[in-house]
Full PDB file with SEQRES, HELIX, SHEET, SSBOND, CRYST1, ORIGX, SCALE, CONECT and MASTER records, all heavy atoms in Angstrom:
SEQRES   1 A   37  LEU LEU GLY HIS GLY GLU MET GLN SER ILE PRO LYS GLY          
SEQRES   2 A   37  VAL THR ASP ASP TRP ARG LEU ALA VAL LEU ALA ASP GLN          
SEQRES   3 A   37  ALA PRO GLN GLY ALA ALA TRP VAL GLY VAL GLY                  
CRYST1    1.000    1.000    1.000  90.00  90.00  90.00 P 1           1          
ORIGX1      1.000000  0.000000  0.000000        0.00000                         
ORIGX2      0.000000  1.000000  0.000000        0.00000                         
ORIGX3      0.000000  0.000000  1.000000        0.00000                         
SCALE1      1.000000  0.000000  0.000000        0.00000                         
SCALE2      0.000000  1.000000  0.000000        0.00000                         
SCALE3      0.000000  0.000000  1.000000        0.00000                         
ATOM      1  N   LEU A   1      -4.212 -11.236  13.247  1.00  0.00           N  
ATOM      2  CA  LEU A   1      -4.431 -11.395  11.822  1.00  0.00           C  
ATOM      3  C   LEU A   1      -4.926 -12.782  11.430  1.00  0.00           C  
ATOM      4  O   LEU A   1      -4.450 -13.868  11.888  1.00  0.00           O  
ATOM      5  CB  LEU A   1      -3.032 -11.246  11.220  1.00  0.00           C  
ATOM      6  CG  LEU A   1      -3.072 -11.317   9.533  1.00  0.00           C  
ATOM      7  CD1 LEU A   1      -3.869 -10.144   8.984  1.00  0.00           C  
ATOM      8  CD2 LEU A   1      -1.692 -11.345   9.099  1.00  0.00           C  
ATOM      9  N   LEU A   2      -6.061 -12.814  10.703  1.00  0.00           N  
ATOM     10  CA  LEU A   2      -6.637 -14.148  10.308  1.00  0.00           C  
ATOM     11  C   LEU A   2      -6.224 -14.529   8.906  1.00  0.00           C  
ATOM     12  O   LEU A   2      -6.521 -15.564   8.391  1.00  0.00           O  
ATOM     13  CB  LEU A   2      -8.220 -14.090  10.281  1.00  0.00           C  
ATOM     14  CG  LEU A   2      -8.850 -13.892  11.655  1.00  0.00           C  
ATOM     15  CD1 LEU A   2     -10.244 -13.682  11.549  1.00  0.00           C  
ATOM     16  CD2 LEU A   2      -8.485 -15.152  12.440  1.00  0.00           C  
ATOM     17  N   GLY A   3      -5.446 -13.650   8.240  1.00  0.00           N  
ATOM     18  CA  GLY A   3      -4.893 -13.894   6.944  1.00  0.00           C  
ATOM     19  C   GLY A   3      -5.258 -12.780   6.060  1.00  0.00           C  
ATOM     20  O   GLY A   3      -6.214 -12.038   6.230  1.00  0.00           O  
ATOM     21  N   HIS A   4      -4.576 -12.699   4.891  1.00  0.00           N  
ATOM     22  CA  HIS A   4      -4.930 -11.705   3.878  1.00  0.00           C  
ATOM     23  C   HIS A   4      -6.016 -12.318   2.920  1.00  0.00           C  
ATOM     24  O   HIS A   4      -5.935 -13.512   2.618  1.00  0.00           O  
ATOM     25  CB  HIS A   4      -3.825 -11.341   3.061  1.00  0.00           C  
ATOM     26  CG  HIS A   4      -2.800 -10.578   3.759  1.00  0.00           C  
ATOM     27  ND1 HIS A   4      -3.021  -9.315   4.099  1.00  0.00           N  
ATOM     28  CD2 HIS A   4      -1.521 -10.819   4.235  1.00  0.00           C  
ATOM     29  CE1 HIS A   4      -2.001  -8.753   4.719  1.00  0.00           C  
ATOM     30  NE2 HIS A   4      -1.067  -9.784   4.879  1.00  0.00           N  
ATOM     31  N   GLY A   5      -6.983 -11.514   2.500  1.00  0.00           N  
ATOM     32  CA  GLY A   5      -7.838 -12.033   1.496  1.00  0.00           C  
ATOM     33  C   GLY A   5      -7.406 -11.803   0.107  1.00  0.00           C  
ATOM     34  O   GLY A   5      -6.198 -12.062  -0.092  1.00  0.00           O  
ATOM     35  N   GLU A   6      -8.140 -11.451  -0.752  1.00  0.00           N  
ATOM     36  CA  GLU A   6      -7.752 -11.345  -2.047  1.00  0.00           C  
ATOM     37  C   GLU A   6      -6.776 -10.137  -2.146  1.00  0.00           C  
ATOM     38  O   GLU A   6      -6.695  -9.169  -1.505  1.00  0.00           O  
ATOM     39  CB  GLU A   6      -9.007 -10.935  -3.013  1.00  0.00           C  
ATOM     40  CG  GLU A   6     -10.001 -12.122  -3.045  1.00  0.00           C  
ATOM     41  CD  GLU A   6      -9.371 -13.291  -3.772  1.00  0.00           C  
ATOM     42  OE1 GLU A   6      -8.737 -13.073  -4.842  1.00  0.00           O  
ATOM     43  OE2 GLU A   6      -9.615 -14.366  -3.135  1.00  0.00           O  
ATOM     44  N   MET A   7      -5.910 -10.261  -3.169  1.00  0.00           N  
ATOM     45  CA  MET A   7      -4.920  -9.109  -3.598  1.00  0.00           C  
ATOM     46  C   MET A   7      -5.041  -8.857  -5.119  1.00  0.00           C  
ATOM     47  O   MET A   7      -5.260  -9.837  -5.890  1.00  0.00           O  
ATOM     48  CB  MET A   7      -3.449  -9.582  -3.258  1.00  0.00           C  
ATOM     49  CG  MET A   7      -3.165  -9.790  -1.909  1.00  0.00           C  
ATOM     50  SD  MET A   7      -1.507 -10.376  -1.500  1.00  0.00           S  
ATOM     51  CE  MET A   7      -0.669  -8.830  -1.879  1.00  0.00           C  
ATOM     52  N   GLN A   8      -4.909  -7.697  -5.524  1.00  0.00           N  
ATOM     53  CA  GLN A   8      -4.726  -7.383  -6.986  1.00  0.00           C  
ATOM     54  C   GLN A   8      -3.438  -6.505  -7.188  1.00  0.00           C  
ATOM     55  O   GLN A   8      -3.423  -5.351  -6.619  1.00  0.00           O  
ATOM     56  CB  GLN A   8      -6.037  -6.669  -7.423  1.00  0.00           C  
ATOM     57  CG  GLN A   8      -5.975  -6.618  -9.036  1.00  0.00           C  
ATOM     58  CD  GLN A   8      -7.156  -5.858  -9.427  1.00  0.00           C  
ATOM     59  OE1 GLN A   8      -7.899  -5.110  -8.878  1.00  0.00           O  
ATOM     60  NE2 GLN A   8      -7.555  -6.290 -10.710  1.00  0.00           N  
ATOM     61  N   SER A   9      -2.492  -7.124  -7.973  1.00  0.00           N  
ATOM     62  CA  SER A   9      -1.244  -6.408  -8.125  1.00  0.00           C  
ATOM     63  C   SER A   9      -1.346  -5.471  -9.360  1.00  0.00           C  
ATOM     64  O   SER A   9      -2.238  -5.801 -10.311  1.00  0.00           O  
ATOM     65  CB  SER A   9      -0.136  -7.408  -8.428  1.00  0.00           C  
ATOM     66  OG  SER A   9       0.115  -8.208  -7.286  1.00  0.00           O  
ATOM     67  N   ILE A  10      -0.593  -4.419  -9.365  1.00  0.00           N  
ATOM     68  CA  ILE A  10      -0.533  -3.537 -10.553  1.00  0.00           C  
ATOM     69  C   ILE A  10       0.251  -4.247 -11.571  1.00  0.00           C  
ATOM     70  O   ILE A  10       1.155  -5.074 -11.269  1.00  0.00           O  
ATOM     71  CB  ILE A  10       0.030  -2.195 -10.197  1.00  0.00           C  
ATOM     72  CG1 ILE A  10       1.551  -2.286  -9.691  1.00  0.00           C  
ATOM     73  CG2 ILE A  10      -0.788  -1.297  -9.249  1.00  0.00           C  
ATOM     74  CD1 ILE A  10       2.060  -0.803  -9.602  1.00  0.00           C  
ATOM     75  N   PRO A  11       0.103  -3.983 -12.838  1.00  0.00           N  
ATOM     76  CA  PRO A  11       0.837  -4.749 -13.902  1.00  0.00           C  
ATOM     77  C   PRO A  11       2.312  -4.398 -13.787  1.00  0.00           C  
ATOM     78  O   PRO A  11       2.689  -3.320 -13.289  1.00  0.00           O  
ATOM     79  CB  PRO A  11       0.293  -4.254 -15.149  1.00  0.00           C  
ATOM     80  CG  PRO A  11      -1.083  -3.451 -14.806  1.00  0.00           C  
ATOM     81  CD  PRO A  11      -0.921  -3.142 -13.413  1.00  0.00           C  
ATOM     82  N   LYS A  12       3.182  -5.254 -14.334  1.00  0.00           N  
ATOM     83  CA  LYS A  12       4.545  -4.924 -14.368  1.00  0.00           C  
ATOM     84  C   LYS A  12       4.887  -3.879 -15.436  1.00  0.00           C  
ATOM     85  O   LYS A  12       4.170  -3.738 -16.424  1.00  0.00           O  
ATOM     86  CB  LYS A  12       5.354  -6.231 -14.778  1.00  0.00           C  
ATOM     87  CG  LYS A  12       5.253  -7.315 -13.822  1.00  0.00           C  
ATOM     88  CD  LYS A  12       5.729  -6.976 -12.477  1.00  0.00           C  
ATOM     89  CE  LYS A  12       5.540  -8.096 -11.491  1.00  0.00           C  
ATOM     90  NZ  LYS A  12       5.542  -7.671 -10.022  1.00  0.00           N  
ATOM     91  N   GLY A  13       5.868  -3.037 -15.099  1.00  0.00           N  
ATOM     92  CA  GLY A  13       6.107  -1.873 -15.941  1.00  0.00           C  
ATOM     93  C   GLY A  13       5.426  -0.689 -15.376  1.00  0.00           C  
ATOM     94  O   GLY A  13       5.017  -0.659 -14.255  1.00  0.00           O  
ATOM     95  N   VAL A  14       5.226   0.335 -16.212  1.00  0.00           N  
ATOM     96  CA  VAL A  14       4.747   1.747 -15.930  1.00  0.00           C  
ATOM     97  C   VAL A  14       3.273   1.636 -16.181  1.00  0.00           C  
ATOM     98  O   VAL A  14       2.780   1.329 -17.307  1.00  0.00           O  
ATOM     99  CB  VAL A  14       5.464   2.800 -16.581  1.00  0.00           C  
ATOM    100  CG1 VAL A  14       4.803   4.233 -16.134  1.00  0.00           C  
ATOM    101  CG2 VAL A  14       6.968   2.818 -16.177  1.00  0.00           C  
ATOM    102  N   THR A  15       2.483   2.028 -15.262  1.00  0.00           N  
ATOM    103  CA  THR A  15       1.095   2.318 -15.328  1.00  0.00           C  
ATOM    104  C   THR A  15       0.804   3.832 -14.971  1.00  0.00           C  
ATOM    105  O   THR A  15       0.582   4.083 -13.871  1.00  0.00           O  
ATOM    106  CB  THR A  15       0.164   1.423 -14.436  1.00  0.00           C  
ATOM    107  OG1 THR A  15       0.585   0.047 -14.668  1.00  0.00           O  
ATOM    108  CG2 THR A  15      -1.289   1.651 -14.604  1.00  0.00           C  
ATOM    109  N   ASP A  16       0.971   4.711 -15.967  1.00  0.00           N  
ATOM    110  CA  ASP A  16       0.828   6.224 -15.659  1.00  0.00           C  
ATOM    111  C   ASP A  16      -0.625   6.494 -15.447  1.00  0.00           C  
ATOM    112  O   ASP A  16      -0.908   7.279 -14.550  1.00  0.00           O  
ATOM    113  CB  ASP A  16       1.397   6.953 -16.716  1.00  0.00           C  
ATOM    114  CG  ASP A  16       2.879   7.003 -16.781  1.00  0.00           C  
ATOM    115  OD1 ASP A  16       3.430   7.055 -15.771  1.00  0.00           O  
ATOM    116  OD2 ASP A  16       3.481   7.084 -17.868  1.00  0.00           O  
ATOM    117  N   ASP A  17      -1.516   5.917 -16.118  1.00  0.00           N  
ATOM    118  CA  ASP A  17      -2.959   6.263 -16.005  1.00  0.00           C  
ATOM    119  C   ASP A  17      -3.549   5.505 -14.829  1.00  0.00           C  
ATOM    120  O   ASP A  17      -3.181   4.351 -14.561  1.00  0.00           O  
ATOM    121  CB  ASP A  17      -3.679   5.869 -17.261  1.00  0.00           C  
ATOM    122  CG  ASP A  17      -3.273   6.744 -18.535  1.00  0.00           C  
ATOM    123  OD1 ASP A  17      -2.934   7.913 -18.217  1.00  0.00           O  
ATOM    124  OD2 ASP A  17      -3.319   6.261 -19.572  1.00  0.00           O  
ATOM    125  N   TRP A  18      -4.509   6.074 -14.059  1.00  0.00           N  
ATOM    126  CA  TRP A  18      -5.220   5.507 -13.107  1.00  0.00           C  
ATOM    127  C   TRP A  18      -5.981   4.266 -13.674  1.00  0.00           C  
ATOM    128  O   TRP A  18      -6.498   4.344 -14.654  1.00  0.00           O  
ATOM    129  CB  TRP A  18      -6.235   6.378 -12.441  1.00  0.00           C  
ATOM    130  CG  TRP A  18      -5.557   7.560 -11.500  1.00  0.00           C  
ATOM    131  CD1 TRP A  18      -5.487   8.897 -11.889  1.00  0.00           C  
ATOM    132  CD2 TRP A  18      -4.887   7.384 -10.242  1.00  0.00           C  
ATOM    133  NE1 TRP A  18      -4.706   9.524 -11.057  1.00  0.00           N  
ATOM    134  CE2 TRP A  18      -4.469   8.624  -9.986  1.00  0.00           C  
ATOM    135  CE3 TRP A  18      -4.608   6.283  -9.480  1.00  0.00           C  
ATOM    136  CZ2 TRP A  18      -3.757   8.962  -8.761  1.00  0.00           C  
ATOM    137  CZ3 TRP A  18      -4.005   6.523  -8.279  1.00  0.00           C  
ATOM    138  CH2 TRP A  18      -3.543   7.814  -7.932  1.00  0.00           C  
ATOM    139  N   ARG A  19      -5.949   3.200 -12.825  1.00  0.00           N  
ATOM    140  CA  ARG A  19      -6.558   1.932 -13.220  1.00  0.00           C  
ATOM    141  C   ARG A  19      -7.488   1.509 -12.019  1.00  0.00           C  
ATOM    142  O   ARG A  19      -6.926   1.447 -10.957  1.00  0.00           O  
ATOM    143  CB  ARG A  19      -5.376   0.899 -13.490  1.00  0.00           C  
ATOM    144  CG  ARG A  19      -5.770  -0.426 -13.781  1.00  0.00           C  
ATOM    145  CD  ARG A  19      -4.509  -1.277 -13.875  1.00  0.00           C  
ATOM    146  NE  ARG A  19      -4.761  -2.627 -14.218  1.00  0.00           N  
ATOM    147  CZ  ARG A  19      -4.547  -3.136 -15.463  1.00  0.00           C  
ATOM    148  NH1 ARG A  19      -3.927  -2.428 -16.365  1.00  0.00           N  
ATOM    149  NH2 ARG A  19      -4.858  -4.406 -15.689  1.00  0.00           N  
ATOM    150  N   LEU A  20      -8.697   1.106 -12.401  1.00  0.00           N  
ATOM    151  CA  LEU A  20      -9.500   0.593 -11.255  1.00  0.00           C  
ATOM    152  C   LEU A  20      -9.197  -0.846 -10.928  1.00  0.00           C  
ATOM    153  O   LEU A  20      -8.994  -1.714 -11.694  1.00  0.00           O  
ATOM    154  CB  LEU A  20     -10.934   0.469 -11.799  1.00  0.00           C  
ATOM    155  CG  LEU A  20     -12.069   0.137 -10.767  1.00  0.00           C  
ATOM    156  CD1 LEU A  20     -12.068   1.033  -9.650  1.00  0.00           C  
ATOM    157  CD2 LEU A  20     -13.387   0.032 -11.515  1.00  0.00           C  
ATOM    158  N   ALA A  21      -8.907  -0.970  -9.605  1.00  0.00           N  
ATOM    159  CA  ALA A  21      -8.767  -2.267  -8.877  1.00  0.00           C  
ATOM    160  C   ALA A  21      -9.922  -2.656  -8.169  1.00  0.00           C  
ATOM    161  O   ALA A  21     -10.386  -1.817  -7.329  1.00  0.00           O  
ATOM    162  CB  ALA A  21      -7.340  -2.336  -8.150  1.00  0.00           C  
ATOM    163  N   VAL A  22     -10.467  -3.837  -8.234  1.00  0.00           N  
ATOM    164  CA  VAL A  22     -11.617  -4.271  -7.539  1.00  0.00           C  
ATOM    165  C   VAL A  22     -11.352  -5.678  -6.903  1.00  0.00           C  
ATOM    166  O   VAL A  22     -10.988  -6.573  -7.562  1.00  0.00           O  
ATOM    167  CB  VAL A  22     -12.914  -4.356  -8.501  1.00  0.00           C  
ATOM    168  CG1 VAL A  22     -14.138  -4.860  -7.763  1.00  0.00           C  
ATOM    169  CG2 VAL A  22     -13.149  -3.020  -9.145  1.00  0.00           C  
ATOM    170  N   LEU A  23     -11.712  -5.815  -5.704  1.00  0.00           N  
ATOM    171  CA  LEU A  23     -11.517  -7.173  -4.929  1.00  0.00           C  
ATOM    172  C   LEU A  23     -12.835  -7.439  -4.240  1.00  0.00           C  
ATOM    173  O   LEU A  23     -13.583  -6.476  -3.694  1.00  0.00           O  
ATOM    174  CB  LEU A  23     -10.573  -6.956  -3.834  1.00  0.00           C  
ATOM    175  CG  LEU A  23      -9.040  -6.530  -4.357  1.00  0.00           C  
ATOM    176  CD1 LEU A  23      -8.303  -6.281  -3.090  1.00  0.00           C  
ATOM    177  CD2 LEU A  23      -8.442  -7.610  -5.127  1.00  0.00           C  
ATOM    178  N   ALA A  24     -13.066  -8.685  -4.112  1.00  0.00           N  
ATOM    179  CA  ALA A  24     -14.238  -9.160  -3.274  1.00  0.00           C  
ATOM    180  C   ALA A  24     -13.778 -10.387  -2.574  1.00  0.00           C  
ATOM    181  O   ALA A  24     -13.219 -11.259  -3.217  1.00  0.00           O  
ATOM    182  CB  ALA A  24     -15.440  -9.416  -4.165  1.00  0.00           C  
ATOM    183  N   ASP A  25     -14.136 -10.524  -1.240  1.00  0.00           N  
ATOM    184  CA  ASP A  25     -13.812 -11.744  -0.472  1.00  0.00           C  
ATOM    185  C   ASP A  25     -14.781 -11.858   0.626  1.00  0.00           C  
ATOM    186  O   ASP A  25     -15.379 -10.765   1.267  1.00  0.00           O  
ATOM    187  CB  ASP A  25     -12.307 -11.624  -0.018  1.00  0.00           C  
ATOM    188  CG  ASP A  25     -11.713 -12.915   0.382  1.00  0.00           C  
ATOM    189  OD1 ASP A  25     -12.498 -14.017   0.124  1.00  0.00           O  
ATOM    190  OD2 ASP A  25     -10.619 -13.057   0.726  1.00  0.00           O  
ATOM    191  N   GLN A  26     -14.952 -13.030   1.151  1.00  0.00           N  
ATOM    192  CA  GLN A  26     -15.807 -13.418   2.220  1.00  0.00           C  
ATOM    193  C   GLN A  26     -15.059 -13.431   3.540  1.00  0.00           C  
ATOM    194  O   GLN A  26     -13.783 -14.042   3.443  1.00  0.00           O  
ATOM    195  CB  GLN A  26     -16.595 -14.621   1.995  1.00  0.00           C  
ATOM    196  CG  GLN A  26     -17.632 -14.892   3.022  1.00  0.00           C  
ATOM    197  CD  GLN A  26     -18.417 -16.049   2.607  1.00  0.00           C  
ATOM    198  OE1 GLN A  26     -18.206 -16.818   1.681  1.00  0.00           O  
ATOM    199  NE2 GLN A  26     -19.560 -16.360   3.408  1.00  0.00           N  
ATOM    200  N   ALA A  27     -15.400 -12.751   4.585  1.00  0.00           N  
ATOM    201  CA  ALA A  27     -14.773 -12.757   5.798  1.00  0.00           C  
ATOM    202  C   ALA A  27     -14.666 -14.062   6.438  1.00  0.00           C  
ATOM    203  O   ALA A  27     -15.750 -14.885   6.415  1.00  0.00           O  
ATOM    204  CB  ALA A  27     -15.375 -11.794   6.875  1.00  0.00           C  
ATOM    205  N   PRO A  28     -13.557 -14.587   6.802  1.00  0.00           N  
ATOM    206  CA  PRO A  28     -13.366 -15.960   7.312  1.00  0.00           C  
ATOM    207  C   PRO A  28     -14.087 -16.107   8.763  1.00  0.00           C  
ATOM    208  O   PRO A  28     -14.316 -15.087   9.349  1.00  0.00           O  
ATOM    209  CB  PRO A  28     -11.858 -16.187   7.471  1.00  0.00           C  
ATOM    210  CG  PRO A  28     -11.339 -14.923   7.592  1.00  0.00           C  
ATOM    211  CD  PRO A  28     -12.120 -13.934   6.815  1.00  0.00           C  
ATOM    212  N   GLN A  29     -14.175 -17.322   9.137  1.00  0.00           N  
ATOM    213  CA  GLN A  29     -14.749 -17.672  10.520  1.00  0.00           C  
ATOM    214  C   GLN A  29     -13.874 -16.989  11.535  1.00  0.00           C  
ATOM    215  O   GLN A  29     -12.742 -16.888  11.557  1.00  0.00           O  
ATOM    216  CB  GLN A  29     -14.711 -19.193  10.678  1.00  0.00           C  
ATOM    217  CG  GLN A  29     -15.422 -19.495  11.975  1.00  0.00           C  
ATOM    218  CD  GLN A  29     -16.978 -19.400  11.972  1.00  0.00           C  
ATOM    219  OE1 GLN A  29     -17.494 -19.281  10.850  1.00  0.00           O  
ATOM    220  NE2 GLN A  29     -17.499 -19.132  13.044  1.00  0.00           N  
ATOM    221  N   GLY A  30     -14.638 -16.201  12.454  1.00  0.00           N  
ATOM    222  CA  GLY A  30     -13.901 -15.574  13.575  1.00  0.00           C  
ATOM    223  C   GLY A  30     -13.544 -14.043  13.277  1.00  0.00           C  
ATOM    224  O   GLY A  30     -12.940 -13.374  14.062  1.00  0.00           O  
ATOM    225  N   ALA A  31     -13.789 -13.580  12.025  1.00  0.00           N  
ATOM    226  CA  ALA A  31     -13.405 -12.186  11.646  1.00  0.00           C  
ATOM    227  C   ALA A  31     -14.300 -11.197  12.418  1.00  0.00           C  
ATOM    228  O   ALA A  31     -15.560 -11.369  12.473  1.00  0.00           O  
ATOM    229  CB  ALA A  31     -13.592 -12.030  10.211  1.00  0.00           C  
ATOM    230  N   ALA A  32     -13.749 -10.217  12.884  1.00  0.00           N  
ATOM    231  CA  ALA A  32     -14.418  -9.092  13.488  1.00  0.00           C  
ATOM    232  C   ALA A  32     -14.155  -7.830  12.864  1.00  0.00           C  
ATOM    233  O   ALA A  32     -14.984  -6.860  13.056  1.00  0.00           O  
ATOM    234  CB  ALA A  32     -14.112  -9.097  14.944  1.00  0.00           C  
ATOM    235  N   TRP A  33     -13.081  -7.679  12.120  1.00  0.00           N  
ATOM    236  CA  TRP A  33     -12.642  -6.505  11.531  1.00  0.00           C  
ATOM    237  C   TRP A  33     -12.168  -6.884  10.066  1.00  0.00           C  
ATOM    238  O   TRP A  33     -11.547  -7.926   9.857  1.00  0.00           O  
ATOM    239  CB  TRP A  33     -11.509  -5.856  12.181  1.00  0.00           C  
ATOM    240  CG  TRP A  33     -11.840  -5.492  13.667  1.00  0.00           C  
ATOM    241  CD1 TRP A  33     -11.547  -6.170  14.707  1.00  0.00           C  
ATOM    242  CD2 TRP A  33     -12.527  -4.297  14.088  1.00  0.00           C  
ATOM    243  NE1 TRP A  33     -12.032  -5.582  15.717  1.00  0.00           N  
ATOM    244  CE2 TRP A  33     -12.615  -4.350  15.401  1.00  0.00           C  
ATOM    245  CE3 TRP A  33     -12.898  -3.148  13.448  1.00  0.00           C  
ATOM    246  CZ2 TRP A  33     -13.103  -3.369  16.294  1.00  0.00           C  
ATOM    247  CZ3 TRP A  33     -13.548  -2.121  14.117  1.00  0.00           C  
ATOM    248  CH2 TRP A  33     -13.675  -2.274  15.497  1.00  0.00           C  
ATOM    249  N   VAL A  34     -12.329  -5.902   9.139  1.00  0.00           N  
ATOM    250  CA  VAL A  34     -11.843  -6.070   7.866  1.00  0.00           C  
ATOM    251  C   VAL A  34     -11.289  -4.677   7.386  1.00  0.00           C  
ATOM    252  O   VAL A  34     -11.740  -3.583   7.812  1.00  0.00           O  
ATOM    253  CB  VAL A  34     -13.053  -6.462   6.731  1.00  0.00           C  
ATOM    254  CG1 VAL A  34     -14.162  -5.349   6.830  1.00  0.00           C  
ATOM    255  CG2 VAL A  34     -12.497  -6.580   5.312  1.00  0.00           C  
ATOM    256  N   GLY A  35     -10.183  -4.706   6.633  1.00  0.00           N  
ATOM    257  CA  GLY A  35      -9.547  -3.544   6.213  1.00  0.00           C  
ATOM    258  C   GLY A  35      -9.033  -3.693   4.812  1.00  0.00           C  
ATOM    259  O   GLY A  35      -8.798  -4.797   4.360  1.00  0.00           O  
ATOM    260  N   VAL A  36      -8.796  -2.528   4.196  1.00  0.00           N  
ATOM    261  CA  VAL A  36      -8.271  -2.619   2.850  1.00  0.00           C  
ATOM    262  C   VAL A  36      -6.991  -1.750   2.902  1.00  0.00           C  
ATOM    263  O   VAL A  36      -6.973  -0.718   3.573  1.00  0.00           O  
ATOM    264  CB  VAL A  36      -9.321  -1.961   1.761  1.00  0.00           C  
ATOM    265  CG1 VAL A  36      -9.732  -0.549   2.145  1.00  0.00           C  
ATOM    266  CG2 VAL A  36      -8.791  -2.140   0.345  1.00  0.00           C  
ATOM    267  N   GLY A  37      -6.072  -2.078   2.059  1.00  0.00           N  
ATOM    268  CA  GLY A  37      -4.735  -1.291   2.169  1.00  0.00           C  
ATOM    269  C   GLY A  37      -3.996  -1.649   0.860  1.00  0.00           C  
ATOM    270  O   GLY A  37      -4.305  -2.434   0.009  1.00  0.00           O  
TER     271      GLY A  37                                                      
MASTER        0    0    0    0    0    0    0    6  270    1    0    3          
END                                                                             
């Protein structure tokens, strides 16, 4: 693990409707793999 990139949390409380989350980040030096979760 080289570290976590950007994170986007869901708002506090109930979010019943689907909400679009968008992240962008540059892979750090030495990165060979990237994943989203």
